[in-house]
Amino acid sequence: MKGFVISLLAVAAVSSASADLLIDPTGGTVLFDSTENHDDQIVFRNFGFNFPTSTGNITGLNVSINGNLNSNGDWSYYNEALSRTTGTFIAPLWDDHYIFKGSGESIVETKTADYYAVTWDVAHYGNALARQTFQAVLFGASTTLKGVTYSAGDVVFAYGMLTPNASDTSATVGTSFGTDPTPVPGSASGIISTSNPSLISDNLGDYIVYNQDGHTYRAGVVPEPSAFLALGFPMLALAFRRKRK
C-alpha cells in the first residue's frame, strides 16, 4: 500500500531475546505481567503523538495479548485473514497467546515523542513451553535506529524468540487500515501456514522494507531456511485450529 511502510525483522532465538529487537523494552511500562494468568485481554493505550495512516491520524490503539494492536476492541484468539479485520489492525504475530502465572512473561510498552513500541513476551495457549518474543514499533516522526532511518507512519515488526510449538496451526502477520490490508509479502491474506512455508524462511528471515512508493527491498542477512525452521515456528492448516478451555 502506498503511503505506508512495514518492516519485518526476524532473528534466531538467543539467550536474551530482547537483544534482537529494535527497541529494548527494559524500563518500559508493563501492561500485563505474570503475577496472574492473562488470556484474551486488551487495554487501550495512547501513543503520545499523531500516527498518520491512509485513513487519517490516530493517537492510540488497543493492545491485545493475542499479538496485535487494533482500533475495534478485538481480543480474538482466532487469527483470520487481514481482509476480515475492521478499522486499524497491526499484527506482528496474531495468534492464541497466553501469559502464565509465575512465568516471567509480560507485555511492555515503550514510547518516546517519536515512536511507540509494544513488546510481547508470551507463551501459546495450552503450551507454557512455547514462548514467543516479538515487537511492533510505530513511528510518529523521522527517527534513525540501528543505522536505519524511519519516517512518520512507518511500522517495524521485530522477532526475537520463536519457540517450537507442534500444536500450533497458524498466525497472521501484517496490517490493515480500513479496507487497505497489507499482508506479509507472499501471502494474500497475511496467514502463514505450512501451505506457504517460504514466508517463514524468506520473508520473516530478513529485513523487509515497504517504501512509501510501494516498492520493497531487502536488507540484512537471510538465515538459511533450515536455520529459521529450527526456530520452531511450525504452521499448519488454519481450518484445523480450535481452542479448548
C-alpha atoms as a PDB file:
ATOM      1  CA  MET A   1       0.000   0.000   0.000  1.00  0.00           C
ATOM      2  CA  LYS A   2       1.351   3.408  -0.892  1.00  0.00           C
ATOM      3  CA  GLY A   3       1.996   5.915   1.819  1.00  0.00           C
ATOM      4  CA  PHE A   4       2.747   3.266   4.428  1.00  0.00           C
ATOM      5  CA  VAL A   5       5.810   1.284   5.410  1.00  0.00           C
ATOM      6  CA  ILE A   6       6.137  -2.051   7.158  1.00  0.00           C
ATOM      7  CA  SER A   7       9.467  -3.547   8.149  1.00  0.00           C
ATOM      8  CA  LEU A   8       9.839  -7.147   9.241  1.00  0.00           C
ATOM      9  CA  LEU A   9      12.876  -8.273  11.199  1.00  0.00           C
ATOM     10  CA  ALA A  10      13.357 -11.832  12.415  1.00  0.00           C
ATOM     11  CA  VAL A  11      16.411 -13.352  14.041  1.00  0.00           C
ATOM     12  CA  ALA A  12      17.335 -16.668  15.609  1.00  0.00           C
ATOM     13  CA  ALA A  13      16.445 -17.146  19.242  1.00  0.00           C
ATOM     14  CA  VAL A  14      19.238 -16.410  21.701  1.00  0.00           C
ATOM     15  CA  SER A  15      19.503 -16.394  25.459  1.00  0.00           C
ATOM     16  CA  SER A  16      18.302 -12.782  25.620  1.00  0.00           C
ATOM     17  CA  ALA A  17      15.540 -12.297  23.067  1.00  0.00           C
ATOM     18  CA  SER A  18      15.327  -8.570  23.723  1.00  0.00           C
ATOM     19  CA  ALA A  19      18.808  -8.148  22.235  1.00  0.00           C
ATOM     20  CA  ASP A  20      17.310  -8.999  18.838  1.00  0.00           C
ATOM     21  CA  LEU A  21      14.508  -6.447  18.989  1.00  0.00           C
ATOM     22  CA  LEU A  22      14.583  -2.968  17.513  1.00  0.00           C
ATOM     23  CA  ILE A  23      13.630  -1.317  20.823  1.00  0.00           C
ATOM     24  CA  ASP A  24      14.936  -2.560  24.169  1.00  0.00           C
ATOM     25  CA  PRO A  25      11.835  -2.939  26.368  1.00  0.00           C
ATOM     26  CA  THR A  26      13.826  -2.620  29.596  1.00  0.00           C
ATOM     27  CA  GLY A  27      12.374   0.161  31.722  1.00  0.00           C
ATOM     28  CA  GLY A  28       9.141   0.341  29.747  1.00  0.00           C
ATOM     29  CA  THR A  29       5.600   0.355  31.131  1.00  0.00           C
ATOM     30  CA  VAL A  30       4.313  -3.137  31.904  1.00  0.00           C
ATOM     31  CA  LEU A  31       0.800  -3.608  30.517  1.00  0.00           C
ATOM     32  CA  PHE A  32       0.432  -7.273  31.529  1.00  0.00           C
ATOM     33  CA  ASP A  33       2.710  -9.398  33.697  1.00  0.00           C
ATOM     34  CA  SER A  34       2.825 -12.879  35.171  1.00  0.00           C
ATOM     35  CA  THR A  35       1.570 -12.060  38.651  1.00  0.00           C
ATOM     36  CA  GLU A  36      -1.553 -13.833  37.384  1.00  0.00           C
ATOM     37  CA  ASN A  37      -2.730 -15.678  34.285  1.00  0.00           C
ATOM     38  CA  HIS A  38      -3.766 -13.495  31.336  1.00  0.00           C
ATOM     39  CA  ASP A  39      -5.831 -14.675  28.377  1.00  0.00           C
ATOM     40  CA  ASP A  40      -7.710 -12.829  25.598  1.00  0.00           C
ATOM     41  CA  GLN A  41      -7.393  -9.360  27.160  1.00  0.00           C
ATOM     42  CA  ILE A  42      -6.907  -5.906  25.675  1.00  0.00           C
ATOM     43  CA  VAL A  43      -6.026  -2.469  27.002  1.00  0.00           C
ATOM     44  CA  PHE A  44      -6.258   0.862  25.183  1.00  0.00           C
ATOM     45  CA  ARG A  45      -3.070   2.930  25.071  1.00  0.00           C
ATOM     46  CA  ASN A  46      -2.238   6.399  23.769  1.00  0.00           C
ATOM     47  CA  PHE A  47       0.867   6.895  21.618  1.00  0.00           C
ATOM     48  CA  GLY A  48       1.576  10.441  22.718  1.00  0.00           C
ATOM     49  CA  PHE A  49       1.665  11.626  19.086  1.00  0.00           C
ATOM     50  CA  ASN A  50      -0.360  11.545  15.875  1.00  0.00           C
ATOM     51  CA  PHE A  51       0.345   8.425  13.838  1.00  0.00           C
ATOM     52  CA  PRO A  52      -0.508   9.017  10.159  1.00  0.00           C
ATOM     53  CA  THR A  53      -2.402   6.322   8.231  1.00  0.00           C
ATOM     54  CA  SER A  54      -4.195   6.161   4.900  1.00  0.00           C
ATOM     55  CA  THR A  55      -7.461   6.819   6.719  1.00  0.00           C
ATOM     56  CA  GLY A  56      -6.202   9.731   8.831  1.00  0.00           C
ATOM     57  CA  ASN A  57      -4.218  10.278  12.012  1.00  0.00           C
ATOM     58  CA  ILE A  58      -4.706   8.049  15.040  1.00  0.00           C
ATOM     59  CA  THR A  59      -3.481   8.710  18.577  1.00  0.00           C
ATOM     60  CA  GLY A  60      -3.832   5.299  20.210  1.00  0.00           C
ATOM     61  CA  LEU A  61      -4.874   1.659  19.809  1.00  0.00           C
ATOM     62  CA  ASN A  62      -5.922  -1.355  21.846  1.00  0.00           C
ATOM     63  CA  VAL A  63      -3.052  -3.685  22.749  1.00  0.00           C
ATOM     64  CA  SER A  64      -4.165  -7.320  22.605  1.00  0.00           C
ATOM     65  CA  ILE A  65      -2.457 -10.194  24.383  1.00  0.00           C
ATOM     66  CA  ASN A  66      -3.030 -12.111  21.162  1.00  0.00           C
ATOM     67  CA  GLY A  67      -0.296 -10.290  19.257  1.00  0.00           C
ATOM     68  CA  ASN A  68      -1.871  -7.240  17.650  1.00  0.00           C
ATOM     69  CA  LEU A  69      -2.808  -3.588  18.006  1.00  0.00           C
ATOM     70  CA  ASN A  70      -6.326  -2.673  16.909  1.00  0.00           C
ATOM     71  CA  SER A  71      -8.935   0.078  16.949  1.00  0.00           C
ATOM     72  CA  ASN A  72     -12.028  -2.125  17.210  1.00  0.00           C
ATOM     73  CA  GLY A  73     -11.552  -3.713  20.638  1.00  0.00           C
ATOM     74  CA  ASP A  74     -10.744  -7.121  19.128  1.00  0.00           C
ATOM     75  CA  TRP A  75      -9.441  -9.617  21.722  1.00  0.00           C
ATOM     76  CA  SER A  76      -9.971 -12.671  19.489  1.00  0.00           C
ATOM     77  CA  TYR A  77      -7.530 -15.576  19.765  1.00  0.00           C
ATOM     78  CA  TYR A  78      -8.649 -16.979  16.404  1.00  0.00           C
ATOM     79  CA  ASN A  79      -6.469 -15.334  13.775  1.00  0.00           C
ATOM     80  CA  GLU A  80      -8.035 -14.684  10.391  1.00  0.00           C
ATOM     81  CA  ALA A  81      -7.193 -13.062   7.065  1.00  0.00           C
ATOM     82  CA  LEU A  82      -6.398  -9.364   7.356  1.00  0.00           C
ATOM     83  CA  SER A  83      -9.215  -8.621   4.930  1.00  0.00           C
ATOM     84  CA  ARG A  84     -11.687  -9.811   7.582  1.00  0.00           C
ATOM     85  CA  THR A  85     -10.498  -7.274  10.159  1.00  0.00           C
ATOM     86  CA  THR A  86     -12.047  -3.829  10.610  1.00  0.00           C
ATOM     87  CA  GLY A  87     -10.597  -0.437  11.440  1.00  0.00           C
ATOM     88  CA  THR A  88      -6.876  -0.233  12.146  1.00  0.00           C
ATOM     89  CA  PHE A  89      -5.253  -3.628  12.699  1.00  0.00           C
ATOM     90  CA  ILE A  90      -1.482  -4.054  13.170  1.00  0.00           C
ATOM     91  CA  ALA A  91      -0.478  -7.681  13.683  1.00  0.00           C
ATOM     92  CA  PRO A  92       3.157  -8.660  14.220  1.00  0.00           C
ATOM     93  CA  LEU A  93       2.008 -12.156  15.267  1.00  0.00           C
ATOM     94  CA  TRP A  94      -1.750 -12.548  15.743  1.00  0.00           C
ATOM     95  CA  ASP A  95      -2.208 -15.910  17.409  1.00  0.00           C
ATOM     96  CA  ASP A  96      -3.607 -17.600  20.526  1.00  0.00           C
ATOM     97  CA  HIS A  97      -1.169 -16.220  23.107  1.00  0.00           C
ATOM     98  CA  TYR A  98      -1.225 -16.548  26.888  1.00  0.00           C
ATOM     99  CA  ILE A  99       0.692 -15.297  29.930  1.00  0.00           C
ATOM    100  CA  PHE A 100       1.167 -17.974  32.577  1.00  0.00           C
ATOM    101  CA  LYS A 101       1.302 -17.006  36.235  1.00  0.00           C
ATOM    102  CA  GLY A 102       4.851 -17.034  37.591  1.00  0.00           C
ATOM    103  CA  SER A 103       6.429 -17.428  34.131  1.00  0.00           C
ATOM    104  CA  GLY A 104       8.120 -14.016  33.937  1.00  0.00           C
ATOM    105  CA  GLU A 105       6.229 -13.307  30.709  1.00  0.00           C
ATOM    106  CA  SER A 106       4.927  -9.821  30.020  1.00  0.00           C
ATOM    107  CA  ILE A 107       3.726  -7.254  27.508  1.00  0.00           C
ATOM    108  CA  VAL A 108       5.643  -3.987  27.749  1.00  0.00           C
ATOM    109  CA  GLU A 109       5.047  -0.555  26.237  1.00  0.00           C
ATOM    110  CA  THR A 110       7.905   1.799  25.331  1.00  0.00           C
ATOM    111  CA  LYS A 111       7.239   5.271  23.994  1.00  0.00           C
ATOM    112  CA  THR A 112       9.022   8.493  23.167  1.00  0.00           C
ATOM    113  CA  ALA A 113       7.966  11.628  21.333  1.00  0.00           C
ATOM    114  CA  ASP A 114       8.964   9.888  18.067  1.00  0.00           C
ATOM    115  CA  TYR A 115       7.867   6.253  18.349  1.00  0.00           C
ATOM    116  CA  TYR A 116       5.578   3.864  20.195  1.00  0.00           C
ATOM    117  CA  ALA A 117       6.581   0.217  20.755  1.00  0.00           C
ATOM    118  CA  VAL A 118       4.927  -2.837  22.246  1.00  0.00           C
ATOM    119  CA  THR A 119       6.960  -5.932  23.097  1.00  0.00           C
ATOM    120  CA  TRP A 120       5.196  -9.248  23.636  1.00  0.00           C
ATOM    121  CA  ASP A 121       6.952 -11.950  25.670  1.00  0.00           C
ATOM    122  CA  VAL A 122       4.234 -14.589  25.822  1.00  0.00           C
ATOM    123  CA  ALA A 123       3.514 -18.291  25.522  1.00  0.00           C
ATOM    124  CA  HIS A 124       0.957 -20.114  23.430  1.00  0.00           C
ATOM    125  CA  TYR A 125      -2.370 -21.057  24.990  1.00  0.00           C
ATOM    126  CA  GLY A 126      -2.142 -24.607  26.326  1.00  0.00           C
ATOM    127  CA  ASN A 127       1.642 -24.808  25.952  1.00  0.00           C
ATOM    128  CA  ALA A 128       3.679 -22.951  28.575  1.00  0.00           C
ATOM    129  CA  LEU A 129       6.921 -24.020  26.860  1.00  0.00           C
ATOM    130  CA  ALA A 130       6.044 -22.360  23.536  1.00  0.00           C
ATOM    131  CA  ARG A 131       7.398 -18.910  24.338  1.00  0.00           C
ATOM    132  CA  GLN A 132       7.354 -16.158  21.715  1.00  0.00           C
ATOM    133  CA  THR A 133       9.015 -12.731  21.820  1.00  0.00           C
ATOM    134  CA  PHE A 134       8.145 -10.113  19.209  1.00  0.00           C
ATOM    135  CA  GLN A 135       7.590  -6.408  18.814  1.00  0.00           C
ATOM    136  CA  ALA A 136       5.708  -3.737  16.880  1.00  0.00           C
ATOM    137  CA  VAL A 137       7.098  -0.196  16.583  1.00  0.00           C
ATOM    138  CA  LEU A 138       5.054   2.706  15.179  1.00  0.00           C
ATOM    139  CA  PHE A 139       6.852   5.904  14.166  1.00  0.00           C
ATOM    140  CA  GLY A 140       5.325   9.341  14.563  1.00  0.00           C
ATOM    141  CA  ALA A 141       8.385  11.223  13.298  1.00  0.00           C
ATOM    142  CA  SER A 142      11.585  10.632  11.336  1.00  0.00           C
ATOM    143  CA  THR A 143      13.879   8.541  13.533  1.00  0.00           C
ATOM    144  CA  THR A 144      17.184   6.725  12.972  1.00  0.00           C
ATOM    145  CA  LEU A 145      17.655   3.452  14.869  1.00  0.00           C
ATOM    146  CA  LYS A 146      20.468   0.961  14.355  1.00  0.00           C
ATOM    147  CA  GLY A 147      21.551   2.757  11.195  1.00  0.00           C
ATOM    148  CA  VAL A 148      18.114   2.828   9.528  1.00  0.00           C
ATOM    149  CA  THR A 149      16.015   5.988   9.221  1.00  0.00           C
ATOM    150  CA  TYR A 150      12.252   5.568   9.589  1.00  0.00           C
ATOM    151  CA  SER A 151       9.604   8.108   8.622  1.00  0.00           C
ATOM    152  CA  ALA A 152       6.333   9.096  10.255  1.00  0.00           C
ATOM    153  CA  GLY A 153       3.793   6.377   9.502  1.00  0.00           C
ATOM    154  CA  ASP A 154       6.347   3.569   9.319  1.00  0.00           C
ATOM    155  CA  VAL A 155       5.848   0.314  11.240  1.00  0.00           C
ATOM    156  CA  VAL A 156       8.515  -2.222  12.210  1.00  0.00           C
ATOM    157  CA  PHE A 157       7.878  -5.813  13.221  1.00  0.00           C
ATOM    158  CA  ALA A 158      10.818  -7.398  15.075  1.00  0.00           C
ATOM    159  CA  TYR A 159      11.100 -11.023  16.209  1.00  0.00           C
ATOM    160  CA  GLY A 160      13.289 -12.489  18.916  1.00  0.00           C
ATOM    161  CA  MET A 161      12.491 -15.876  20.455  1.00  0.00           C
ATOM    162  CA  LEU A 162      10.150 -18.151  18.486  1.00  0.00           C
ATOM    163  CA  THR A 163       9.890 -21.436  20.346  1.00  0.00           C
ATOM    164  CA  PRO A 164       8.735 -24.739  18.796  1.00  0.00           C
ATOM    165  CA  ASN A 165       5.048 -25.491  19.257  1.00  0.00           C
ATOM    166  CA  ALA A 166       3.831 -28.542  17.386  1.00  0.00           C
ATOM    167  CA  SER A 167       0.230 -27.949  18.478  1.00  0.00           C
ATOM    168  CA  ASP A 168       0.012 -24.527  16.809  1.00  0.00           C
ATOM    169  CA  THR A 169      -1.527 -24.081  13.376  1.00  0.00           C
ATOM    170  CA  SER A 170      -1.120 -20.581  12.002  1.00  0.00           C
ATOM    171  CA  ALA A 171      -0.530 -16.916  12.717  1.00  0.00           C
ATOM    172  CA  THR A 172      -1.486 -13.728  10.881  1.00  0.00           C
ATOM    173  CA  VAL A 173       1.145 -11.101  10.070  1.00  0.00           C
ATOM    174  CA  GLY A 174       0.555  -7.686   8.500  1.00  0.00           C
ATOM    175  CA  THR A 175      -1.519  -4.538   8.796  1.00  0.00           C
ATOM    176  CA  SER A 176      -4.869  -3.215   7.695  1.00  0.00           C
ATOM    177  CA  PHE A 177      -6.217   0.327   7.735  1.00  0.00           C
ATOM    178  CA  GLY A 178      -9.905   0.281   6.953  1.00  0.00           C
ATOM    179  CA  THR A 179     -10.193  -1.653   3.704  1.00  0.00           C
ATOM    180  CA  ASP A 180      -6.488  -1.463   2.833  1.00  0.00           C
ATOM    181  CA  PRO A 181      -4.776  -4.669   4.096  1.00  0.00           C
ATOM    182  CA  THR A 182      -1.039  -5.161   3.707  1.00  0.00           C
ATOM    183  CA  PRO A 183      -0.200  -8.810   4.480  1.00  0.00           C
ATOM    184  CA  VAL A 184       3.245 -10.277   4.938  1.00  0.00           C
ATOM    185  CA  PRO A 185       4.785 -10.468   1.426  1.00  0.00           C
ATOM    186  CA  GLY A 186       3.881 -13.634  -0.437  1.00  0.00           C
ATOM    187  CA  SER A 187       0.620 -14.193   1.419  1.00  0.00           C
ATOM    188  CA  ALA A 188      -2.593 -12.783   0.001  1.00  0.00           C
ATOM    189  CA  SER A 189      -4.279 -12.996   3.407  1.00  0.00           C
ATOM    190  CA  GLY A 190      -1.469 -12.449   5.929  1.00  0.00           C
ATOM    191  CA  ILE A 191      -1.848 -16.010   7.236  1.00  0.00           C
ATOM    192  CA  ILE A 192       1.378 -18.007   7.492  1.00  0.00           C
ATOM    193  CA  SER A 193       0.956 -21.775   7.414  1.00  0.00           C
ATOM    194  CA  THR A 194       2.628 -24.898   6.112  1.00  0.00           C
ATOM    195  CA  SER A 195       0.892 -24.223   2.821  1.00  0.00           C
ATOM    196  CA  ASN A 196       3.350 -21.341   2.277  1.00  0.00           C
ATOM    197  CA  PRO A 197       6.454 -22.203   4.353  1.00  0.00           C
ATOM    198  CA  SER A 198       8.724 -19.959   2.255  1.00  0.00           C
ATOM    199  CA  LEU A 199       7.144 -16.981   4.001  1.00  0.00           C
ATOM    200  CA  ILE A 200       8.847 -18.135   7.180  1.00  0.00           C
ATOM    201  CA  SER A 201      12.334 -18.664   5.801  1.00  0.00           C
ATOM    202  CA  ASP A 202      12.369 -15.930   3.165  1.00  0.00           C
ATOM    203  CA  ASN A 203      10.221 -13.074   4.442  1.00  0.00           C
ATOM    204  CA  LEU A 204      10.489 -13.314   8.216  1.00  0.00           C
ATOM    205  CA  GLY A 205      14.131 -14.295   7.893  1.00  0.00           C
ATOM    206  CA  ASP A 206      15.370 -10.908   6.755  1.00  0.00           C
ATOM    207  CA  TYR A 207      14.666  -7.220   6.951  1.00  0.00           C
ATOM    208  CA  ILE A 208      11.939  -6.153   4.541  1.00  0.00           C
ATOM    209  CA  VAL A 209      11.098  -2.510   3.975  1.00  0.00           C
ATOM    210  CA  TYR A 210       7.996  -1.253   2.194  1.00  0.00           C
ATOM    211  CA  ASN A 211       8.867   2.123   0.734  1.00  0.00           C
ATOM    212  CA  GLN A 212       6.352   4.919   0.507  1.00  0.00           C
ATOM    213  CA  ASP A 213       6.292   4.465  -3.273  1.00  0.00           C
ATOM    214  CA  GLY A 214       5.101   0.879  -2.898  1.00  0.00           C
ATOM    215  CA  HIS A 215       8.429  -0.799  -3.759  1.00  0.00           C
ATOM    216  CA  THR A 216      10.262  -3.197  -1.492  1.00  0.00           C
ATOM    217  CA  TYR A 217      13.857  -4.128  -0.845  1.00  0.00           C
ATOM    218  CA  ARG A 218      15.686  -6.497   1.430  1.00  0.00           C
ATOM    219  CA  ALA A 219      18.459  -5.652   3.843  1.00  0.00           C
ATOM    220  CA  GLY A 220      20.433  -7.752   6.273  1.00  0.00           C
ATOM    221  CA  VAL A 221      21.422 -11.388   6.282  1.00  0.00           C
ATOM    222  CA  VAL A 222      18.850 -14.037   5.453  1.00  0.00           C
ATOM    223  CA  PRO A 223      19.215 -17.146   7.638  1.00  0.00           C
ATOM    224  CA  GLU A 224      19.306 -20.463   5.871  1.00  0.00           C
ATOM    225  CA  PRO A 225      15.784 -21.923   5.635  1.00  0.00           C
ATOM    226  CA  SER A 226      16.806 -24.818   7.859  1.00  0.00           C
ATOM    227  CA  ALA A 227      18.095 -22.384  10.475  1.00  0.00           C
ATOM    228  CA  PHE A 228      14.852 -20.451  10.597  1.00  0.00           C
ATOM    229  CA  LEU A 229      12.772 -23.613  10.717  1.00  0.00           C
ATOM    230  CA  ALA A 230      14.877 -24.522  13.748  1.00  0.00           C
ATOM    231  CA  LEU A 231      13.197 -21.610  15.444  1.00  0.00           C
ATOM    232  CA  GLY A 232      10.267 -23.950  15.661  1.00  0.00           C
ATOM    233  CA  PHE A 233       7.570 -21.824  14.088  1.00  0.00           C
ATOM    234  CA  PRO A 234       5.504 -24.651  12.575  1.00  0.00           C
ATOM    235  CA  MET A 235       2.326 -23.514  10.875  1.00  0.00           C
ATOM    236  CA  LEU A 236      -0.407 -25.977   9.971  1.00  0.00           C
ATOM    237  CA  ALA A 237      -3.767 -25.576   8.251  1.00  0.00           C
ATOM    238  CA  LEU A 238      -5.913 -22.879   9.809  1.00  0.00           C
ATOM    239  CA  ALA A 239      -9.040 -24.951   9.285  1.00  0.00           C
ATOM    240  CA  PHE A 240      -7.934 -27.419  11.943  1.00  0.00           C
ATOM    241  CA  ARG A 241      -7.374 -24.843  14.672  1.00  0.00           C
ATOM    242  CA  ARG A 242      -9.618 -24.948  17.735  1.00  0.00           C
ATOM    243  CA  LYS A 243      -9.064 -23.622  21.232  1.00  0.00           C
ATOM    244  CA  ARG A 244     -10.196 -25.545  24.274  1.00  0.00           C
ATOM    245  CA  LYS A 245     -10.814 -24.128  27.701  1.00  0.00           C
END
